[in-house]
Amino acid sequence: MARSIRFVAVLVMVAAVAATGCAKKKRISDDSSIGDAGGAGTEDSLSESSSYGRYKRGLGPEEDGVLKDVHFAYDSYELDGSARDVLAANAEWLKENKRARTEIEGHCDERGTVEYNLALGAKRAKAVKDYLVSLGVASERLTTISYGEELPLCRDAGEQCYARNRRVHFVPPSE
């Protein structure tokens, strides 16, 4: 009898471990790592039926987004001229749509350690946020998060693919 109880207990524990799976890799958000407590809520965000709501997590700039992605040079979080042009257009849209809030995701290519890429993604997102704020977008409407190398657009090994993955992406904040 005791043997069958132990067997059932072990079976339940194995099922529980299988159901929970492995721990997820951590991601860095602006609330925990950058020190900017913007923490924008979603009560005023636009509805899913708006053109802004079509821009979903994981879509690239060529996939019908209102706010375009910004790309970065290897191992850099500096905004070049083309990035500033894209951000100027994004800032205009955000200023015209005063209820819109956005989450700014920092992404990296697969090179480098997980920790390094999370930190670099956070710096990229913060650089974009700071630039948008300098263009007149209210800071409380912008939140940042870093996914490092976790959500690539492209999985091929090669510079063309790496360049697509080194980006900042804009999405409505999750509720």
N, C-alpha and C. Protein backbone atom coordinates (compact mmCIF):
# COMPACT_ATOMS: atom_id res chain seq x y z
N MET A 1 0.82 -1.19 0.00
CA MET A 1 0.00 0.00 0.00
C MET A 1 0.87 1.26 0.00
N ALA A 2 1.85 1.29 0.91
CA ALA A 2 2.74 2.46 0.97
C ALA A 2 3.52 2.61 -0.33
N ARG A 3 3.83 1.49 -0.94
CA ARG A 3 4.57 1.53 -2.20
C ARG A 3 3.74 2.16 -3.31
N SER A 4 2.46 1.84 -3.37
CA SER A 4 1.60 2.42 -4.39
C SER A 4 1.36 3.91 -4.13
N ILE A 5 1.32 4.34 -2.88
CA ILE A 5 1.16 5.76 -2.55
C ILE A 5 2.40 6.52 -3.01
N ARG A 6 3.59 5.96 -2.75
CA ARG A 6 4.82 6.59 -3.21
C ARG A 6 4.85 6.69 -4.73
N PHE A 7 4.41 5.63 -5.40
CA PHE A 7 4.38 5.63 -6.86
C PHE A 7 3.46 6.73 -7.39
N VAL A 8 2.28 6.88 -6.80
CA VAL A 8 1.34 7.93 -7.21
C VAL A 8 1.94 9.30 -6.93
N ALA A 9 2.58 9.47 -5.80
CA ALA A 9 3.19 10.76 -5.46
C ALA A 9 4.29 11.12 -6.46
N VAL A 10 5.12 10.16 -6.80
CA VAL A 10 6.17 10.40 -7.79
C VAL A 10 5.56 10.72 -9.15
N LEU A 11 4.54 10.02 -9.52
CA LEU A 11 3.86 10.27 -10.79
C LEU A 11 3.27 11.68 -10.84
N VAL A 12 2.67 12.12 -9.74
CA VAL A 12 2.11 13.47 -9.67
C VAL A 12 3.23 14.51 -9.78
N MET A 13 4.35 14.29 -9.12
CA MET A 13 5.47 15.25 -9.20
C MET A 13 6.04 15.31 -10.61
N VAL A 14 6.18 14.19 -11.27
CA VAL A 14 6.69 14.17 -12.64
C VAL A 14 5.72 14.92 -13.56
N ALA A 15 4.44 14.72 -13.39
CA ALA A 15 3.45 15.41 -14.21
C ALA A 15 3.50 16.92 -13.95
N ALA A 16 3.69 17.32 -12.69
CA ALA A 16 3.77 18.75 -12.37
C ALA A 16 4.99 19.39 -13.02
N VAL A 17 6.13 18.71 -12.96
CA VAL A 17 7.34 19.25 -13.59
C VAL A 17 7.16 19.34 -15.10
N ALA A 18 6.59 18.34 -15.69
CA ALA A 18 6.36 18.35 -17.14
C ALA A 18 5.40 19.46 -17.54
N ALA A 19 4.40 19.72 -16.72
CA ALA A 19 3.41 20.75 -17.04
C ALA A 19 3.98 22.15 -16.94
N THR A 20 4.88 22.38 -15.99
CA THR A 20 5.42 23.73 -15.81
C THR A 20 6.54 24.04 -16.76
N GLY A 21 7.27 23.06 -17.23
CA GLY A 21 8.33 23.29 -18.20
C GLY A 21 9.52 24.00 -17.61
N CYS A 22 10.39 24.47 -18.50
CA CYS A 22 11.60 25.16 -18.09
C CYS A 22 11.31 26.62 -17.80
N ALA A 23 12.17 27.23 -17.01
CA ALA A 23 12.02 28.65 -16.72
C ALA A 23 12.32 29.47 -17.96
N LYS A 24 11.58 30.57 -18.11
CA LYS A 24 11.81 31.45 -19.24
C LYS A 24 13.04 32.31 -18.99
N LYS A 25 13.70 32.72 -20.08
CA LYS A 25 14.82 33.62 -19.95
C LYS A 25 14.31 34.98 -19.53
N LYS A 26 15.10 35.65 -18.71
CA LYS A 26 14.61 36.93 -18.22
C LYS A 26 14.77 38.01 -19.27
N ARG A 27 13.92 39.02 -19.18
CA ARG A 27 13.99 40.16 -20.05
C ARG A 27 14.08 41.39 -19.17
N ILE A 28 14.64 42.43 -19.70
CA ILE A 28 14.86 43.63 -18.93
C ILE A 28 13.87 44.68 -19.38
N SER A 29 13.12 45.23 -18.44
CA SER A 29 12.22 46.33 -18.78
C SER A 29 12.71 47.60 -18.14
N ASP A 30 12.18 48.72 -18.59
CA ASP A 30 12.66 49.99 -18.08
C ASP A 30 12.36 50.17 -16.61
N ASP A 31 11.34 49.52 -16.08
CA ASP A 31 11.02 49.67 -14.67
C ASP A 31 12.07 49.05 -13.77
N SER A 32 12.76 48.00 -14.25
CA SER A 32 13.68 47.30 -13.38
C SER A 32 15.14 47.59 -13.65
N SER A 33 15.50 48.08 -14.82
CA SER A 33 16.93 48.16 -15.11
C SER A 33 17.41 49.54 -15.51
N ILE A 34 16.57 50.34 -16.09
CA ILE A 34 17.05 51.61 -16.61
C ILE A 34 16.80 52.73 -15.62
N GLY A 35 15.88 52.52 -14.70
CA GLY A 35 15.63 53.52 -13.69
C GLY A 35 14.63 54.57 -14.10
N ASP A 36 13.97 54.42 -15.22
CA ASP A 36 12.96 55.37 -15.66
C ASP A 36 11.60 54.78 -15.34
N ALA A 37 10.91 55.33 -14.41
CA ALA A 37 9.63 54.77 -13.98
C ALA A 37 8.49 55.30 -14.81
N GLY A 38 8.60 55.23 -16.11
CA GLY A 38 7.53 55.69 -16.99
C GLY A 38 6.26 54.91 -16.78
N GLY A 39 6.33 53.58 -16.72
CA GLY A 39 5.23 52.71 -16.37
C GLY A 39 3.89 53.08 -16.96
N ALA A 40 3.81 53.34 -18.23
CA ALA A 40 2.55 53.76 -18.83
C ALA A 40 1.52 52.66 -18.77
N GLY A 41 0.32 53.01 -18.39
CA GLY A 41 -0.79 52.06 -18.38
C GLY A 41 -1.41 51.96 -19.75
N THR A 42 -2.47 51.17 -19.83
CA THR A 42 -3.10 50.98 -21.14
C THR A 42 -4.52 51.51 -21.18
N GLU A 43 -4.97 52.22 -20.15
CA GLU A 43 -6.36 52.63 -20.14
C GLU A 43 -6.71 53.58 -21.27
N ASP A 44 -5.76 54.34 -21.79
CA ASP A 44 -6.03 55.27 -22.88
C ASP A 44 -5.51 54.78 -24.22
N SER A 45 -5.01 53.56 -24.28
CA SER A 45 -4.43 53.09 -25.53
C SER A 45 -5.53 52.89 -26.57
N LEU A 46 -5.13 52.93 -27.83
CA LEU A 46 -6.10 52.81 -28.91
C LEU A 46 -6.62 51.40 -29.02
N SER A 47 -7.78 51.24 -29.60
CA SER A 47 -8.40 49.94 -29.73
C SER A 47 -7.71 49.11 -30.82
N GLU A 48 -7.98 47.82 -30.79
CA GLU A 48 -7.41 46.91 -31.78
C GLU A 48 -7.90 47.22 -33.19
N SER A 49 -9.04 47.90 -33.31
CA SER A 49 -9.57 48.18 -34.64
C SER A 49 -8.85 49.34 -35.32
N SER A 50 -8.05 50.09 -34.56
CA SER A 50 -7.33 51.21 -35.15
C SER A 50 -6.15 50.71 -35.97
N SER A 51 -5.60 51.58 -36.79
CA SER A 51 -4.44 51.18 -37.58
C SER A 51 -3.25 50.87 -36.69
N TYR A 52 -3.17 51.49 -35.52
CA TYR A 52 -2.07 51.22 -34.59
C TYR A 52 -2.16 49.81 -34.04
N GLY A 53 -3.38 49.33 -33.79
CA GLY A 53 -3.58 48.01 -33.23
C GLY A 53 -3.15 46.89 -34.14
N ARG A 54 -2.93 47.16 -35.42
CA ARG A 54 -2.50 46.11 -36.36
C ARG A 54 -1.05 45.74 -36.17
N TYR A 55 -0.28 46.58 -35.51
CA TYR A 55 1.16 46.34 -35.39
C TYR A 55 1.41 45.40 -34.23
N LYS A 56 1.63 44.16 -34.50
CA LYS A 56 1.76 43.14 -33.47
C LYS A 56 3.22 42.79 -33.21
N ARG A 57 3.45 42.22 -32.05
CA ARG A 57 4.79 41.79 -31.65
C ARG A 57 5.36 40.83 -32.69
N GLY A 58 6.60 41.06 -33.09
CA GLY A 58 7.27 40.17 -34.02
C GLY A 58 7.18 40.59 -35.47
N LEU A 59 6.33 41.55 -35.81
CA LEU A 59 6.25 42.00 -37.19
C LEU A 59 7.35 43.00 -37.48
N GLY A 60 7.89 42.94 -38.66
CA GLY A 60 8.94 43.87 -39.05
C GLY A 60 8.37 45.12 -39.68
N PRO A 61 9.21 46.08 -40.00
CA PRO A 61 8.75 47.35 -40.54
C PRO A 61 8.07 47.20 -41.89
N GLU A 62 8.41 46.16 -42.62
CA GLU A 62 7.82 45.98 -43.94
C GLU A 62 6.45 45.35 -43.87
N GLU A 63 5.96 45.08 -42.67
CA GLU A 63 4.72 44.33 -42.51
C GLU A 63 3.59 45.22 -41.99
N ASP A 64 3.41 46.38 -42.61
CA ASP A 64 2.24 47.23 -42.42
C ASP A 64 2.14 47.88 -41.05
N GLY A 65 3.24 48.20 -40.42
CA GLY A 65 3.19 48.88 -39.14
C GLY A 65 3.08 50.38 -39.31
N VAL A 66 2.34 51.01 -38.41
CA VAL A 66 2.24 52.46 -38.42
C VAL A 66 3.55 53.08 -37.95
N LEU A 67 4.10 52.53 -36.87
CA LEU A 67 5.38 52.99 -36.35
C LEU A 67 6.47 52.06 -36.87
N LYS A 68 7.43 52.63 -37.54
CA LYS A 68 8.46 51.83 -38.19
C LYS A 68 9.59 51.47 -37.23
N ASP A 69 10.20 50.32 -37.47
CA ASP A 69 11.35 49.88 -36.70
C ASP A 69 12.56 50.75 -37.01
N VAL A 70 13.47 50.79 -36.05
CA VAL A 70 14.74 51.48 -36.21
C VAL A 70 15.83 50.41 -36.12
N HIS A 71 16.81 50.48 -37.01
CA HIS A 71 17.89 49.49 -37.03
C HIS A 71 19.21 50.12 -36.58
N PHE A 72 20.10 49.27 -36.08
CA PHE A 72 21.35 49.73 -35.48
C PHE A 72 22.55 49.02 -36.10
N ALA A 73 23.68 49.67 -36.00
CA ALA A 73 24.94 49.06 -36.41
C ALA A 73 25.32 47.99 -35.39
N TYR A 74 26.22 47.13 -35.78
CA TYR A 74 26.68 46.06 -34.90
C TYR A 74 27.26 46.65 -33.61
N ASP A 75 26.87 46.09 -32.48
CA ASP A 75 27.42 46.45 -31.18
C ASP A 75 27.22 47.94 -30.86
N SER A 76 26.11 48.51 -31.29
CA SER A 76 25.88 49.94 -31.11
C SER A 76 24.44 50.23 -30.70
N TYR A 77 24.28 51.32 -29.97
CA TYR A 77 22.94 51.81 -29.66
C TYR A 77 22.82 53.28 -30.07
N GLU A 78 23.74 53.74 -30.90
CA GLU A 78 23.68 55.12 -31.39
C GLU A 78 22.72 55.22 -32.56
N LEU A 79 21.98 56.33 -32.59
CA LEU A 79 21.02 56.57 -33.66
C LEU A 79 21.71 57.27 -34.82
N ASP A 80 21.66 56.66 -36.00
CA ASP A 80 22.24 57.29 -37.18
C ASP A 80 21.19 58.17 -37.85
N GLY A 81 21.54 58.79 -38.96
CA GLY A 81 20.64 59.71 -39.65
C GLY A 81 19.35 59.06 -40.10
N SER A 82 19.42 57.86 -40.64
CA SER A 82 18.18 57.20 -41.10
C SER A 82 17.30 56.84 -39.91
N ALA A 83 17.90 56.45 -38.79
CA ALA A 83 17.11 56.15 -37.59
C ALA A 83 16.41 57.40 -37.09
N ARG A 84 17.10 58.52 -37.11
CA ARG A 84 16.49 59.79 -36.66
C ARG A 84 15.34 60.19 -37.58
N ASP A 85 15.47 59.95 -38.87
CA ASP A 85 14.39 60.25 -39.81
C ASP A 85 13.15 59.40 -39.52
N VAL A 86 13.37 58.11 -39.30
CA VAL A 86 12.26 57.20 -38.98
C VAL A 86 11.61 57.64 -37.67
N LEU A 87 12.42 57.97 -36.68
CA LEU A 87 11.88 58.37 -35.38
C LEU A 87 11.14 59.71 -35.46
N ALA A 88 11.59 60.59 -36.34
CA ALA A 88 10.87 61.87 -36.52
C ALA A 88 9.47 61.60 -37.05
N ALA A 89 9.35 60.69 -38.00
CA ALA A 89 8.03 60.33 -38.54
C ALA A 89 7.19 59.63 -37.47
N ASN A 90 7.81 58.73 -36.70
CA ASN A 90 7.08 58.06 -35.62
C ASN A 90 6.62 59.07 -34.57
N ALA A 91 7.46 60.04 -34.25
CA ALA A 91 7.10 61.06 -33.26
C ALA A 91 5.93 61.90 -33.75
N GLU A 92 5.92 62.23 -35.03
CA GLU A 92 4.79 63.00 -35.59
C GLU A 92 3.49 62.23 -35.43
N TRP A 93 3.53 60.94 -35.76
CA TRP A 93 2.32 60.13 -35.62
C TRP A 93 1.88 60.07 -34.15
N LEU A 94 2.83 59.88 -33.24
CA LEU A 94 2.50 59.81 -31.82
C LEU A 94 1.94 61.14 -31.31
N LYS A 95 2.47 62.25 -31.80
CA LYS A 95 1.96 63.57 -31.38
C LYS A 95 0.56 63.82 -31.94
N GLU A 96 0.27 63.31 -33.12
CA GLU A 96 -1.07 63.45 -33.71
C GLU A 96 -2.08 62.53 -33.04
N ASN A 97 -1.63 61.44 -32.50
CA ASN A 97 -2.48 60.44 -31.85
C ASN A 97 -2.18 60.44 -30.36
N LYS A 98 -2.66 61.44 -29.67
CA LYS A 98 -2.28 61.72 -28.28
C LYS A 98 -2.66 60.62 -27.29
N ARG A 99 -3.61 59.78 -27.63
CA ARG A 99 -4.00 58.69 -26.72
C ARG A 99 -3.12 57.46 -26.90
N ALA A 100 -2.36 57.40 -27.96
CA ALA A 100 -1.55 56.22 -28.25
C ALA A 100 -0.40 56.10 -27.25
N ARG A 101 -0.19 54.88 -26.81
CA ARG A 101 0.96 54.53 -25.98
C ARG A 101 1.70 53.44 -26.74
N THR A 102 2.97 53.31 -26.46
CA THR A 102 3.71 52.25 -27.14
C THR A 102 4.79 51.69 -26.24
N GLU A 103 5.06 50.43 -26.46
CA GLU A 103 6.17 49.78 -25.80
C GLU A 103 7.31 49.72 -26.82
N ILE A 104 8.48 50.12 -26.41
CA ILE A 104 9.64 50.16 -27.28
C ILE A 104 10.51 48.96 -26.94
N GLU A 105 10.58 48.02 -27.87
CA GLU A 105 11.34 46.79 -27.65
C GLU A 105 12.74 46.90 -28.24
N GLY A 106 13.75 46.62 -27.44
CA GLY A 106 15.13 46.56 -27.92
C GLY A 106 15.49 45.13 -28.28
N HIS A 107 16.06 44.95 -29.48
CA HIS A 107 16.43 43.61 -29.96
C HIS A 107 17.88 43.62 -30.46
N CYS A 108 18.48 42.44 -30.46
CA CYS A 108 19.87 42.26 -30.91
C CYS A 108 19.96 41.05 -31.83
N ASP A 109 21.10 40.94 -32.50
CA ASP A 109 21.33 39.70 -33.24
C ASP A 109 21.86 38.65 -32.26
N GLU A 110 22.11 37.46 -32.74
CA GLU A 110 22.46 36.34 -31.86
C GLU A 110 23.88 36.35 -31.33
N ARG A 111 24.72 37.24 -31.84
CA ARG A 111 26.10 37.27 -31.39
C ARG A 111 26.19 37.93 -30.02
N GLY A 112 27.05 37.43 -29.17
CA GLY A 112 27.19 37.95 -27.81
C GLY A 112 26.45 37.09 -26.81
N THR A 113 26.74 37.31 -25.54
CA THR A 113 26.08 36.53 -24.49
C THR A 113 24.65 37.02 -24.30
N VAL A 114 23.86 36.20 -23.66
CA VAL A 114 22.48 36.57 -23.37
C VAL A 114 22.44 37.85 -22.54
N GLU A 115 23.28 37.92 -21.52
CA GLU A 115 23.31 39.09 -20.64
C GLU A 115 23.72 40.35 -21.40
N TYR A 116 24.75 40.23 -22.23
CA TYR A 116 25.22 41.38 -23.01
C TYR A 116 24.12 41.87 -23.95
N ASN A 117 23.46 40.95 -24.63
CA ASN A 117 22.42 41.34 -25.58
C ASN A 117 21.20 41.94 -24.88
N LEU A 118 20.86 41.46 -23.69
CA LEU A 118 19.77 42.08 -22.94
C LEU A 118 20.12 43.52 -22.58
N ALA A 119 21.36 43.73 -22.14
CA ALA A 119 21.79 45.09 -21.78
C ALA A 119 21.84 45.99 -23.02
N LEU A 120 22.35 45.49 -24.13
CA LEU A 120 22.41 46.28 -25.37
C LEU A 120 21.01 46.60 -25.87
N GLY A 121 20.10 45.64 -25.83
CA GLY A 121 18.72 45.89 -26.22
C GLY A 121 18.08 46.97 -25.36
N ALA A 122 18.37 46.95 -24.06
CA ALA A 122 17.83 47.97 -23.15
C ALA A 122 18.39 49.36 -23.50
N LYS A 123 19.67 49.42 -23.85
CA LYS A 123 20.27 50.71 -24.23
C LYS A 123 19.67 51.22 -25.54
N ARG A 124 19.41 50.33 -26.48
CA ARG A 124 18.80 50.73 -27.75
C ARG A 124 17.40 51.29 -27.51
N ALA A 125 16.61 50.58 -26.71
CA ALA A 125 15.25 51.04 -26.42
C ALA A 125 15.27 52.38 -25.69
N LYS A 126 16.18 52.55 -24.75
CA LYS A 126 16.26 53.81 -24.00
C LYS A 126 16.71 54.95 -24.92
N ALA A 127 17.64 54.69 -25.82
CA ALA A 127 18.09 55.74 -26.76
C ALA A 127 16.93 56.20 -27.63
N VAL A 128 16.11 55.27 -28.07
CA VAL A 128 14.94 55.61 -28.90
C VAL A 128 13.93 56.40 -28.07
N LYS A 129 13.66 55.93 -26.87
CA LYS A 129 12.71 56.64 -26.00
C LYS A 129 13.19 58.07 -25.74
N ASP A 130 14.45 58.22 -25.37
CA ASP A 130 15.00 59.54 -25.09
C ASP A 130 14.88 60.46 -26.31
N TYR A 131 15.12 59.93 -27.49
CA TYR A 131 15.03 60.74 -28.70
C TYR A 131 13.58 61.15 -28.97
N LEU A 132 12.64 60.23 -28.81
CA LEU A 132 11.23 60.56 -29.01
C LEU A 132 10.78 61.63 -28.01
N VAL A 133 11.24 61.52 -26.77
CA VAL A 133 10.90 62.53 -25.76
C VAL A 133 11.48 63.88 -26.16
N SER A 134 12.71 63.88 -26.71
CA SER A 134 13.32 65.15 -27.14
C SER A 134 12.55 65.77 -28.31
N LEU A 135 11.80 64.95 -29.03
CA LEU A 135 10.97 65.45 -30.14
C LEU A 135 9.57 65.86 -29.70
N GLY A 136 9.28 65.74 -28.41
CA GLY A 136 8.01 66.22 -27.89
C GLY A 136 6.98 65.17 -27.53
N VAL A 137 7.35 63.89 -27.55
CA VAL A 137 6.42 62.83 -27.14
C VAL A 137 6.52 62.69 -25.63
N ALA A 138 5.38 62.64 -24.96
CA ALA A 138 5.37 62.53 -23.50
C ALA A 138 5.98 61.22 -23.04
N SER A 139 6.89 61.30 -22.10
CA SER A 139 7.61 60.13 -21.60
C SER A 139 6.68 59.07 -21.02
N GLU A 140 5.60 59.50 -20.36
CA GLU A 140 4.71 58.53 -19.73
C GLU A 140 3.92 57.69 -20.74
N ARG A 141 3.97 58.04 -22.00
CA ARG A 141 3.31 57.26 -23.04
C ARG A 141 4.22 56.18 -23.63
N LEU A 142 5.47 56.15 -23.19
CA LEU A 142 6.47 55.25 -23.74
C LEU A 142 7.04 54.36 -22.65
N THR A 143 7.06 53.07 -22.89
CA THR A 143 7.76 52.14 -21.99
C THR A 143 8.79 51.39 -22.82
N THR A 144 9.82 50.90 -22.15
CA THR A 144 10.86 50.15 -22.85
C THR A 144 11.01 48.77 -22.25
N ILE A 145 11.48 47.87 -23.09
CA ILE A 145 11.77 46.50 -22.67
C ILE A 145 12.86 45.97 -23.60
N SER A 146 13.68 45.07 -23.09
CA SER A 146 14.70 44.44 -23.91
C SER A 146 14.42 42.95 -24.03
N TYR A 147 14.48 42.47 -25.25
CA TYR A 147 14.39 41.04 -25.50
C TYR A 147 15.73 40.46 -25.92
N GLY A 148 16.75 41.31 -26.02
CA GLY A 148 18.04 40.81 -26.45
C GLY A 148 17.92 40.08 -27.77
N GLU A 149 18.35 38.84 -27.79
CA GLU A 149 18.31 38.04 -29.02
C GLU A 149 17.10 37.10 -29.06
N GLU A 150 16.18 37.24 -28.12
CA GLU A 150 15.10 36.26 -27.94
C GLU A 150 14.03 36.23 -29.02
N LEU A 151 13.75 37.33 -29.69
CA LEU A 151 12.68 37.37 -30.70
C LEU A 151 13.22 37.83 -32.05
N PRO A 152 14.01 37.00 -32.69
CA PRO A 152 14.60 37.43 -33.97
C PRO A 152 13.55 37.46 -35.09
N LEU A 153 13.74 38.37 -36.03
CA LEU A 153 12.93 38.38 -37.25
C LEU A 153 13.46 37.34 -38.22
N CYS A 154 14.75 37.11 -38.17
CA CYS A 154 15.43 36.23 -39.11
C CYS A 154 16.34 35.29 -38.33
N ARG A 155 16.38 34.03 -38.74
CA ARG A 155 17.19 33.05 -38.01
C ARG A 155 18.40 32.55 -38.80
N ASP A 156 18.62 33.08 -40.00
CA ASP A 156 19.77 32.66 -40.80
C ASP A 156 21.05 33.26 -40.22
N ALA A 157 22.15 32.55 -40.39
CA ALA A 157 23.45 33.08 -39.99
C ALA A 157 24.00 33.90 -41.15
N GLY A 158 24.25 35.15 -40.91
CA GLY A 158 24.78 36.03 -41.95
C GLY A 158 24.44 37.48 -41.66
N GLU A 159 25.24 38.37 -42.18
CA GLU A 159 25.11 39.79 -41.86
C GLU A 159 23.76 40.37 -42.25
N GLN A 160 23.19 39.97 -43.37
CA GLN A 160 21.91 40.52 -43.78
C GLN A 160 20.83 40.18 -42.74
N CYS A 161 20.85 38.97 -42.26
CA CYS A 161 19.90 38.55 -41.23
C CYS A 161 20.20 39.25 -39.90
N TYR A 162 21.48 39.30 -39.52
CA TYR A 162 21.84 39.97 -38.28
C TYR A 162 21.38 41.43 -38.29
N ALA A 163 21.51 42.09 -39.42
CA ALA A 163 21.12 43.50 -39.52
C ALA A 163 19.61 43.67 -39.30
N ARG A 164 18.80 42.75 -39.76
CA ARG A 164 17.35 42.83 -39.53
C ARG A 164 17.02 42.67 -38.05
N ASN A 165 17.79 41.88 -37.35
CA ASN A 165 17.51 41.60 -35.94
C ASN A 165 18.00 42.71 -35.00
N ARG A 166 18.93 43.53 -35.43
CA ARG A 166 19.45 44.63 -34.59
C ARG A 166 18.50 45.82 -34.73
N ARG A 167 17.47 45.85 -33.88
CA ARG A 167 16.41 46.82 -34.10
C ARG A 167 15.73 47.23 -32.80
N VAL A 168 14.94 48.29 -32.93
CA VAL A 168 13.95 48.64 -31.92
C VAL A 168 12.61 48.54 -32.62
N HIS A 169 11.69 47.90 -31.95
CA HIS A 169 10.37 47.61 -32.50
C HIS A 169 9.32 48.24 -31.59
N PHE A 170 8.24 48.76 -32.18
CA PHE A 170 7.19 49.43 -31.42
C PHE A 170 5.93 48.57 -31.41
N VAL A 171 5.36 48.38 -30.22
CA VAL A 171 4.11 47.62 -30.08
C VAL A 171 3.24 48.29 -29.02
N PRO A 172 1.92 48.08 -29.12
CA PRO A 172 1.07 48.55 -28.02
C PRO A 172 1.45 47.78 -26.76
N PRO A 173 1.45 48.41 -25.59
CA PRO A 173 1.82 47.67 -24.37
C PRO A 173 0.83 46.56 -24.10
N SER A 174 1.31 45.45 -23.55
CA SER A 174 0.42 44.34 -23.22
C SER A 174 -0.41 44.71 -22.00
N GLU A 175 -1.61 44.22 -22.00
CA GLU A 175 -2.52 44.57 -20.91
C GLU A 175 -2.42 43.59 -19.78
